[in-house]
Amino acid sequence: MREIRVGLIGFGTVGSGTAEVLHLQAQRLAAKTGAAIRLVRVADLRLAALPPHLAGVELTRDADRVLIADDIDIVVELIGGIEPAKSFILKAIAHGKHVVTANKALISQHGREIFEAAARKNVEVGFEASVGGGIPVIKALKEGLVANRIDAILGIMNGTANYILNNMTDHGMAFDEVLKDAQAKGFAEADPTYDVEGIDTAHKLVILMTMAYGSHVRLSDVSIEGISQIDPIDIEFAREFGYRIKLLAISKNHGDSVEARVHATMVPEKHMLANIGGAFNGIQFVGDMVGDVLLYGLGAGKMPTGSAVVADIVDIARNIVNSAVNRVPALSWLPEKFQEVAITPMERIRGPYYFRITAQDKPGVLSKISGILGNHGISIESVIQKSREKKGTVPIVIRTYEAEESAVRKALAEIDALEVCAARTVKIRIMDNEG
């Protein structure tokens, strides 16, 4: 039986999970590939020793012992970040190695350079674990939905943000309180900015859009907003209206342009994505042939993400064994068929909105606010004004009919400039009936 030799760079949570999956599933993988997939070497700067079940695997502090060694067929990069990960991957490719990575930031920002280098050397790059953890979302988009024009991508792609919003909803906890709890339980990083401000989700959306539309989408194309401004009162109002607040990645295909945005969204309770709880992810594709497809599962974690990394290793191993390297293009499309795609300006996006305005409890305030909205062509669907809060301010909650983002921004700037307004207005977009 042929042996496929794997070298691993980075033995953190995902790296150790990958090694464990390879160890536990060795016989099953051999039966499914016709090859013995063997972890030969691990490169890690901080590790003193490998666990006992990896006896016989070499541990080194020298990355070149993985990147350029003759006894390595597949290099697995799991250190994360841009550098030195990018340099490591390009070096491995230059030396004819196939590469597997879970590095969403790197693939979303420098994927084009990496895939072009791989094409020149006729090697493969697997990145299933970069989106959705253990969910086979890349495989589904690359192969399972290949016959479809993708009309929309909607997704909860960050488990930390979803865990925070879920606990705010179910337990009435404040954002800061839930964040501390998530950090204590290991669901959130010490610096949670990428998770709660939507950046991590945007990286993943870039990858999916690139594959869906056959165009190299950039991170700068995505409008990004987070969830740190949401308070329990917004959760309460959402529930009252029949919604749950989720941090969504959204891309809709209009033919001549595509949307690219990440922001908090009020999702109808009956919608599939509204019921994705805890640290789970849910990613919905809408294809012109297949309709709605929802993929659901753990979006992070040692073993789920390790499972996704090993899936890429197996795909590459099968292709090596059958002399079919690059049988399926890495991004689904043939490289020469990639075209530029226009990004719909955020200012042109239309939809209904939720506003929470903190204003002084004085006569005429509501008429001033509604007048400003009317001047900008924004029609009000409903208004709720709660009882007086401390310091004489009240929350005024307004739901609008469909409005254009540019008009909303101008109107809210005027409203927030009013002397009677005590805080910046909270704006949350509402999912329309089309999803």
Protein backbone atom coordinates (compact mmCIF):
# COMPACT_ATOMS: atom_id res chain seq x y z
CA MET A 1 0.00 0.00 0.00
CA ARG A 2 1.29 3.42 -0.92
CA GLU A 3 2.21 5.76 1.93
CA ILE A 4 1.22 9.43 1.95
CA ARG A 5 3.47 11.35 4.34
CA VAL A 6 2.16 14.39 6.20
CA GLY A 7 4.07 17.17 7.92
CA LEU A 8 2.29 19.45 10.37
CA ILE A 9 3.26 23.01 11.32
CA GLY A 10 1.58 24.19 14.53
CA PHE A 11 0.39 21.89 17.29
CA GLY A 12 -2.22 24.03 18.99
CA THR A 13 -5.89 23.19 19.35
CA VAL A 14 -6.52 22.39 15.69
CA GLY A 15 -3.09 20.87 15.11
CA SER A 16 -3.45 18.43 18.00
CA GLY A 17 -6.99 17.61 16.84
CA THR A 18 -5.76 16.88 13.33
CA ALA A 19 -3.04 14.59 14.63
CA GLU A 20 -5.56 12.78 16.82
CA VAL A 21 -8.00 12.26 13.95
CA LEU A 22 -5.21 10.85 11.78
CA HIS A 23 -4.25 8.49 14.60
CA LEU A 24 -7.74 7.34 15.56
CA GLN A 25 -9.02 6.92 12.01
CA ALA A 26 -5.89 5.48 10.38
CA GLN A 27 -7.47 2.18 9.31
CA ARG A 28 -10.66 3.81 8.08
CA LEU A 29 -8.71 6.38 6.04
CA ALA A 30 -6.55 3.67 4.48
CA ALA A 31 -9.66 1.73 3.49
CA LYS A 32 -11.14 4.83 1.87
CA THR A 33 -8.03 6.05 0.05
CA GLY A 34 -5.98 2.97 -0.74
CA ALA A 35 -3.03 4.62 0.97
CA ALA A 36 -1.53 4.69 4.44
CA ILE A 37 -1.69 8.33 5.54
CA ARG A 38 1.09 8.82 8.08
CA LEU A 39 1.97 11.86 10.16
CA VAL A 40 5.75 11.95 9.84
CA ARG A 41 6.79 15.21 11.48
CA VAL A 42 5.46 18.09 13.59
CA ALA A 43 7.10 21.52 13.70
CA ASP A 44 6.24 23.69 16.71
CA LEU A 45 8.31 26.25 18.60
CA ARG A 46 6.62 25.89 21.98
CA LEU A 47 6.05 22.17 22.32
CA ALA A 48 8.42 20.14 24.49
CA ALA A 49 7.06 16.72 23.55
CA LEU A 50 4.31 15.04 21.57
CA PRO A 51 1.62 12.99 23.32
CA PRO A 52 2.25 9.25 23.76
CA HIS A 53 -0.11 8.16 20.97
CA LEU A 54 2.21 9.95 18.50
CA ALA A 55 5.26 7.90 19.36
CA GLY A 56 7.39 7.67 16.26
CA VAL A 57 6.40 11.11 14.98
CA GLU A 58 9.34 13.50 14.88
CA LEU A 59 9.06 16.82 16.73
CA THR A 60 11.17 19.69 15.44
CA ARG A 61 11.55 23.43 15.88
CA ASP A 62 12.80 23.79 12.30
CA ALA A 63 9.92 24.50 9.89
CA ASP A 64 12.08 23.53 6.92
CA ARG A 65 12.05 19.95 8.19
CA VAL A 66 8.42 20.01 7.08
CA LEU A 67 8.41 22.54 4.24
CA ILE A 68 11.24 21.25 2.07
CA ALA A 69 12.00 17.75 3.34
CA ASP A 70 11.95 15.00 0.71
CA ASP A 71 9.93 12.67 2.93
CA ILE A 72 6.87 14.96 3.14
CA ASP A 73 4.06 14.88 0.55
CA ILE A 74 1.48 17.14 2.22
CA VAL A 75 2.23 20.16 4.42
CA VAL A 76 -0.48 21.16 6.90
CA GLU A 77 -0.23 24.77 8.11
CA LEU A 78 -2.11 25.43 11.36
CA ILE A 79 -0.31 28.36 12.98
CA GLY A 80 -2.78 30.99 11.76
CA GLY A 81 -2.22 34.66 11.00
CA ILE A 82 -0.62 36.11 7.89
CA GLU A 83 3.09 35.75 8.57
CA PRO A 84 5.00 33.52 8.75
CA ALA A 85 2.12 31.32 7.55
CA LYS A 86 2.07 32.86 4.06
CA SER A 87 5.81 32.48 3.59
CA PHE A 88 5.66 28.89 4.87
CA ILE A 89 2.88 27.94 2.44
CA LEU A 90 4.55 29.57 -0.56
CA LYS A 91 7.83 27.87 0.31
CA ALA A 92 6.14 24.49 0.57
CA ILE A 93 4.45 25.02 -2.79
CA ALA A 94 7.73 26.10 -4.38
CA HIS A 95 9.18 22.77 -3.26
CA GLY A 96 6.34 20.81 -4.82
CA LYS A 97 4.37 20.09 -1.66
CA HIS A 98 0.61 19.93 -1.48
CA VAL A 99 -0.79 22.19 1.24
CA VAL A 100 -3.72 22.05 3.65
CA THR A 101 -4.62 25.03 5.83
CA ALA A 102 -7.38 26.27 8.14
CA ASN A 103 -6.16 29.85 7.81
CA LYS A 104 -9.21 31.92 6.83
CA ALA A 105 -7.47 35.29 7.20
CA LEU A 106 -4.66 34.20 4.90
CA ILE A 107 -6.89 32.59 2.26
CA SER A 108 -9.30 35.53 2.22
CA GLN A 109 -6.55 38.14 1.84
CA HIS A 110 -3.79 36.32 -0.07
CA GLY A 111 -5.57 33.35 -1.58
CA ARG A 112 -5.09 34.52 -5.14
CA GLU A 113 -1.30 34.55 -4.82
CA ILE A 114 -1.30 31.15 -3.11
CA PHE A 115 -3.61 29.46 -5.63
CA GLU A 116 -1.71 30.88 -8.58
CA ALA A 117 1.57 29.61 -7.13
CA ALA A 118 0.01 26.18 -6.60
CA ALA A 119 -1.27 26.08 -10.19
CA ARG A 120 2.21 26.82 -11.53
CA LYS A 121 3.65 23.90 -9.53
CA ASN A 122 0.65 21.62 -10.17
CA VAL A 123 0.01 21.01 -6.49
CA GLU A 124 -3.19 21.27 -4.47
CA VAL A 125 -4.28 23.60 -1.69
CA GLY A 126 -7.03 22.39 0.66
CA PHE A 127 -8.83 24.86 2.92
CA GLU A 128 -12.05 23.16 4.05
CA ALA A 129 -11.42 24.05 7.70
CA SER A 130 -11.18 27.78 6.94
CA VAL A 131 -14.97 28.18 6.94
CA GLY A 132 -17.44 26.49 9.24
CA GLY A 133 -15.08 24.30 11.28
CA GLY A 134 -16.33 20.73 10.90
CA ILE A 135 -19.10 21.64 8.44
CA PRO A 136 -18.21 20.53 4.87
CA VAL A 137 -19.21 23.88 3.42
CA ILE A 138 -16.29 24.29 1.00
CA LYS A 139 -16.86 20.83 -0.44
CA ALA A 140 -20.58 21.53 -0.84
CA LEU A 141 -19.97 24.78 -2.70
CA LYS A 142 -17.08 23.44 -4.77
CA GLU A 143 -18.69 20.18 -5.86
CA GLY A 144 -22.18 19.52 -4.51
CA LEU A 145 -23.65 22.80 -5.81
CA VAL A 146 -21.51 23.05 -8.93
CA ALA A 147 -24.57 22.95 -11.23
CA ASN A 148 -26.10 26.02 -9.60
CA ARG A 149 -25.85 29.76 -9.98
CA ILE A 150 -25.57 30.88 -6.37
CA ASP A 151 -28.22 33.53 -5.81
CA ALA A 152 -27.55 34.14 -2.11
CA ILE A 153 -25.28 33.26 0.80
CA LEU A 154 -26.59 33.78 4.32
CA GLY A 155 -24.75 32.57 7.35
CA ILE A 156 -23.97 32.51 11.03
CA MET A 157 -20.24 31.92 10.70
CA ASN A 158 -18.84 32.86 14.09
CA GLY A 159 -19.63 30.67 17.08
CA THR A 160 -18.40 33.22 19.64
CA ALA A 161 -20.77 35.93 18.44
CA ASN A 162 -23.62 33.45 18.22
CA TYR A 163 -22.94 32.18 21.74
CA ILE A 164 -23.01 35.75 23.07
CA LEU A 165 -26.25 36.68 21.30
CA ASN A 166 -27.86 33.39 22.28
CA ASN A 167 -27.10 33.95 25.96
CA MET A 168 -28.25 37.56 25.81
CA THR A 169 -31.52 36.30 24.33
CA ASP A 170 -32.13 33.31 26.60
CA HIS A 171 -30.84 34.72 29.90
CA GLY A 172 -31.23 38.49 29.56
CA MET A 173 -27.51 39.04 30.13
CA ALA A 174 -25.65 42.17 29.02
CA PHE A 175 -23.07 41.95 26.23
CA ASP A 176 -20.06 42.56 28.51
CA GLU A 177 -21.27 39.97 31.01
CA VAL A 178 -21.74 37.27 28.39
CA LEU A 179 -18.38 38.09 26.79
CA LYS A 180 -16.59 37.54 30.12
CA ASP A 181 -18.42 34.24 30.52
CA ALA A 182 -17.45 33.19 26.99
CA GLN A 183 -13.81 34.06 27.65
CA ALA A 184 -13.83 32.10 30.91
CA LYS A 185 -15.22 29.03 29.10
CA GLY A 186 -12.75 29.33 26.24
CA PHE A 187 -15.37 30.27 23.61
CA ALA A 188 -13.88 33.75 23.13
CA GLU A 189 -10.32 34.99 22.79
CA ALA A 190 -8.73 37.40 25.26
CA ASP A 191 -9.02 39.97 22.46
CA PRO A 192 -12.43 39.18 20.94
CA THR A 193 -12.42 42.00 18.37
CA TYR A 194 -12.31 39.78 15.27
CA ASP A 195 -15.23 37.72 16.55
CA VAL A 196 -17.61 40.34 17.93
CA GLU A 197 -16.90 43.07 15.37
CA GLY A 198 -17.59 40.81 12.39
CA ILE A 199 -14.07 40.61 10.94
CA ASP A 200 -13.74 36.84 11.32
CA THR A 201 -17.13 36.39 9.65
CA ALA A 202 -16.08 38.71 6.83
CA HIS A 203 -12.97 36.61 6.12
CA LYS A 204 -15.20 33.57 5.68
CA LEU A 205 -17.70 35.42 3.50
CA VAL A 206 -14.89 36.53 1.18
CA ILE A 207 -13.85 32.91 0.66
CA LEU A 208 -17.40 31.73 -0.04
CA MET A 209 -18.13 34.62 -2.41
CA THR A 210 -14.92 33.99 -4.34
CA MET A 211 -15.99 30.39 -4.88
CA ALA A 212 -19.66 31.15 -5.50
CA TYR A 213 -19.14 33.85 -8.13
CA GLY A 214 -15.81 32.92 -9.69
CA SER A 215 -14.28 36.26 -8.81
CA HIS A 216 -11.53 37.29 -6.43
CA VAL A 217 -13.42 39.18 -3.74
CA ARG A 218 -11.40 41.33 -1.35
CA LEU A 219 -11.92 41.91 2.35
CA SER A 220 -12.25 45.62 1.62
CA ASP A 221 -15.31 44.80 -0.52
CA VAL A 222 -17.24 43.72 2.57
CA SER A 223 -19.21 46.19 4.72
CA ILE A 224 -18.55 45.06 8.30
CA GLU A 225 -20.40 45.85 11.52
CA GLY A 226 -20.33 43.97 14.81
CA ILE A 227 -22.62 43.27 17.76
CA SER A 228 -20.98 45.17 20.63
CA GLN A 229 -23.57 47.98 20.43
CA ILE A 230 -26.52 45.65 21.11
CA ASP A 231 -28.13 45.83 24.56
CA PRO A 232 -30.60 43.50 26.28
CA ILE A 233 -33.38 45.97 25.50
CA ASP A 234 -32.80 45.39 21.77
CA ILE A 235 -33.05 41.65 22.36
CA GLU A 236 -36.33 42.20 24.20
CA PHE A 237 -37.81 44.30 21.42
CA ALA A 238 -36.70 41.77 18.82
CA ARG A 239 -38.49 39.02 20.73
CA GLU A 240 -41.59 41.22 21.03
CA PHE A 241 -41.58 41.70 17.26
CA GLY A 242 -41.04 37.98 16.57
CA TYR A 243 -37.33 38.10 15.71
CA ARG A 244 -33.99 36.89 17.04
CA ILE A 245 -30.83 38.94 16.55
CA LYS A 246 -27.99 37.19 14.75
CA LEU A 247 -24.65 38.30 13.35
CA LEU A 248 -25.13 37.42 9.68
CA ALA A 249 -22.90 37.25 6.65
CA ILE A 250 -25.01 38.19 3.64
CA SER A 251 -24.35 38.14 -0.08
CA LYS A 252 -27.10 38.38 -2.68
CA ASN A 253 -26.49 38.00 -6.38
CA HIS A 254 -28.26 40.67 -8.43
CA GLY A 255 -26.67 39.60 -11.72
CA ASP A 256 -24.88 42.86 -12.44
CA SER A 257 -23.56 43.14 -8.87
CA VAL A 258 -23.36 41.19 -5.62
CA GLU A 259 -23.86 42.29 -2.02
CA ALA A 260 -21.11 41.74 0.54
CA ARG A 261 -22.01 42.61 4.14
CA VAL A 262 -21.72 41.45 7.73
CA HIS A 263 -23.90 42.95 10.45
CA ALA A 264 -26.40 42.25 13.21
CA THR A 265 -29.74 41.28 11.73
CA MET A 266 -33.21 40.68 13.13
CA VAL A 267 -34.11 37.25 11.77
CA PRO A 268 -37.75 36.05 11.87
CA GLU A 269 -38.18 33.35 14.53
CA LYS A 270 -39.55 30.92 11.95
CA HIS A 271 -36.46 31.24 9.73
CA MET A 272 -33.97 28.34 9.84
CA LEU A 273 -31.06 30.56 10.85
CA ALA A 274 -32.95 32.03 13.82
CA ASN A 275 -32.77 28.66 15.54
CA ILE A 276 -29.01 28.14 15.29
CA GLY A 277 -28.00 28.27 18.95
CA GLY A 278 -24.92 28.26 21.13
CA ALA A 279 -21.54 28.14 19.42
CA PHE A 280 -22.93 26.43 16.32
CA ASN A 281 -22.73 27.75 12.77
CA GLY A 282 -25.38 27.67 10.06
CA ILE A 283 -24.67 28.52 6.43
CA GLN A 284 -27.43 28.79 3.85
CA PHE A 285 -26.94 28.78 0.09
CA VAL A 286 -29.68 29.58 -2.39
CA GLY A 287 -29.09 27.97 -5.78
CA ASP A 288 -31.13 28.57 -8.91
CA MET A 289 -31.59 24.81 -9.41
CA VAL A 290 -31.58 23.38 -5.89
CA GLY A 291 -33.25 26.18 -3.91
CA ASP A 292 -32.39 26.55 -0.22
CA VAL A 293 -29.61 24.45 1.32
CA LEU A 294 -28.68 24.82 4.99
CA LEU A 295 -25.47 23.37 6.44
CA TYR A 296 -25.33 23.23 10.24
CA GLY A 297 -22.75 22.12 12.78
CA LEU A 298 -19.90 23.04 15.06
CA GLY A 299 -17.99 25.91 13.54
CA ALA A 300 -14.86 25.49 15.65
CA GLY A 301 -13.20 23.16 18.11
CA LYS A 302 -10.37 20.68 18.24
CA MET A 303 -11.98 17.59 16.74
CA PRO A 304 -14.56 19.14 14.35
CA THR A 305 -11.93 21.37 12.73
CA GLY A 306 -9.40 18.53 12.80
CA SER A 307 -11.96 16.43 10.94
CA ALA A 308 -12.18 19.10 8.21
CA VAL A 309 -8.39 19.31 7.89
CA VAL A 310 -8.15 15.54 7.51
CA ALA A 311 -10.89 15.60 4.87
CA ASP A 312 -8.60 17.79 2.75
CA ILE A 313 -5.66 15.49 3.40
CA VAL A 314 -7.76 12.54 2.23
CA ASP A 315 -8.90 14.36 -0.93
CA ILE A 316 -5.31 15.12 -1.85
CA ALA A 317 -4.16 11.60 -0.98
CA ARG A 318 -6.82 10.11 -3.24
CA ASN A 319 -5.73 12.34 -6.09
CA ILE A 320 -2.07 11.45 -5.59
CA VAL A 321 -2.87 7.72 -5.59
CA ASN A 322 -4.99 8.00 -8.72
CA SER A 323 -2.68 10.45 -10.55
CA ALA A 324 -5.53 12.95 -10.61
CA VAL A 325 -3.99 16.00 -8.90
CA ASN A 326 -6.11 19.12 -9.42
CA ARG A 327 -8.99 17.07 -10.80
CA VAL A 328 -11.29 19.61 -9.12
CA PRO A 329 -10.18 23.27 -9.25
CA ALA A 330 -9.45 24.58 -5.76
CA LEU A 331 -12.02 27.37 -6.09
CA SER A 332 -14.44 25.30 -8.22
CA TRP A 333 -13.93 27.52 -11.28
CA LEU A 334 -11.16 27.08 -13.83
CA PRO A 335 -8.61 29.83 -13.07
CA GLU A 336 -8.85 31.30 -16.56
CA LYS A 337 -12.62 31.68 -16.16
CA PHE A 338 -12.43 34.03 -13.17
CA GLN A 339 -13.99 37.43 -13.86
CA GLU A 340 -14.34 40.67 -11.97
CA VAL A 341 -17.60 41.12 -10.11
CA ALA A 342 -19.14 44.44 -9.12
CA ILE A 343 -19.91 44.89 -5.43
CA THR A 344 -23.26 46.50 -4.68
CA PRO A 345 -22.47 49.69 -2.72
CA MET A 346 -23.76 49.43 0.83
CA GLU A 347 -25.49 52.79 0.38
CA ARG A 348 -27.76 51.21 -2.24
CA ILE A 349 -28.90 48.30 -0.08
CA ARG A 350 -32.61 48.49 0.71
CA GLY A 351 -34.55 46.87 3.51
CA PRO A 352 -36.57 47.45 6.69
CA TYR A 353 -34.85 48.78 9.81
CA TYR A 354 -35.10 48.84 13.59
CA PHE A 355 -33.97 52.04 15.32
CA ARG A 356 -33.62 52.55 19.08
CA ILE A 357 -33.32 56.26 19.79
CA THR A 358 -32.44 57.47 23.31
CA ALA A 359 -34.12 60.83 23.73
CA GLN A 360 -35.24 63.21 26.44
CA ASP A 361 -38.82 62.78 27.59
CA LYS A 362 -40.18 66.07 26.24
CA PRO A 363 -43.18 67.05 24.14
CA GLY A 364 -42.54 67.24 20.41
CA VAL A 365 -39.51 64.93 20.34
CA LEU A 366 -41.26 62.18 18.42
CA SER A 367 -42.62 64.63 15.86
CA LYS A 368 -39.10 65.99 15.23
CA ILE A 369 -37.74 62.48 14.72
CA SER A 370 -40.57 61.36 12.45
CA GLY A 371 -40.21 64.58 10.49
CA ILE A 372 -36.53 63.93 9.81
CA LEU A 373 -37.27 60.35 8.72
CA GLY A 374 -40.05 61.60 6.44
CA ASN A 375 -37.77 64.20 4.88
CA HIS A 376 -35.44 61.38 3.85
CA GLY A 377 -38.22 59.23 2.43
CA ILE A 378 -38.25 56.73 5.30
CA SER A 379 -41.73 55.48 6.17
CA ILE A 380 -42.49 54.35 9.72
CA GLU A 381 -44.23 51.01 10.25
CA SER A 382 -44.55 51.21 14.05
CA VAL A 383 -43.35 53.19 17.07
CA ILE A 384 -42.97 52.08 20.68
CA GLN A 385 -42.04 54.49 23.46
CA LYS A 386 -41.25 52.85 26.79
CA SER A 387 -41.64 54.42 30.21
CA ARG A 388 -39.23 57.05 31.50
CA GLU A 389 -35.70 55.86 32.30
CA LYS A 390 -33.15 57.50 34.56
CA LYS A 391 -31.97 61.03 33.83
CA GLY A 392 -35.19 61.79 31.98
CA THR A 393 -34.48 59.80 28.82
CA VAL A 394 -36.65 57.20 27.13
CA PRO A 395 -35.98 54.63 24.41
CA ILE A 396 -38.02 55.32 21.29
CA VAL A 397 -38.16 52.24 19.10
CA ILE A 398 -39.09 52.65 15.46
CA ARG A 399 -39.56 50.01 12.79
CA THR A 400 -39.47 51.23 9.23
CA TYR A 401 -40.67 49.95 5.92
CA GLU A 402 -38.05 49.31 3.26
CA ALA A 403 -35.57 52.17 3.01
CA GLU A 404 -32.23 52.80 1.32
CA GLU A 405 -29.11 52.69 3.46
CA SER A 406 -27.86 56.07 2.24
CA ALA A 407 -31.09 57.76 3.34
CA VAL A 408 -30.98 55.97 6.70
CA ARG A 409 -27.44 57.14 7.40
CA LYS A 410 -28.29 60.75 6.60
CA ALA A 411 -31.45 60.67 8.69
CA LEU A 412 -29.77 59.12 11.73
CA ALA A 413 -26.94 61.65 11.55
CA GLU A 414 -29.54 64.43 11.82
CA ILE A 415 -31.43 62.68 14.60
CA ASP A 416 -28.29 62.03 16.66
CA ALA A 417 -27.36 65.71 16.30
CA LEU A 418 -30.58 66.82 18.01
CA GLU A 419 -30.05 68.28 21.49
CA VAL A 420 -32.81 66.04 22.83
CA CYS A 421 -30.95 62.86 21.82
CA ALA A 422 -28.69 61.53 24.58
CA ALA A 423 -26.90 58.68 22.80
CA ARG A 424 -26.12 57.39 19.35
CA THR A 425 -29.04 55.60 17.73
CA VAL A 426 -28.82 51.82 17.59
CA LYS A 427 -29.60 50.58 14.06
CA ILE A 428 -30.35 46.94 13.27
CA ARG A 429 -31.38 45.73 9.85
CA ILE A 430 -34.40 43.43 9.61
CA MET A 431 -34.36 40.40 7.33
CA ASP A 432 -36.91 40.95 4.59
CA ASN A 433 -39.47 38.38 3.51
CA GLU A 434 -37.17 37.04 0.83
CA GLY A 435 -34.46 36.18 3.41
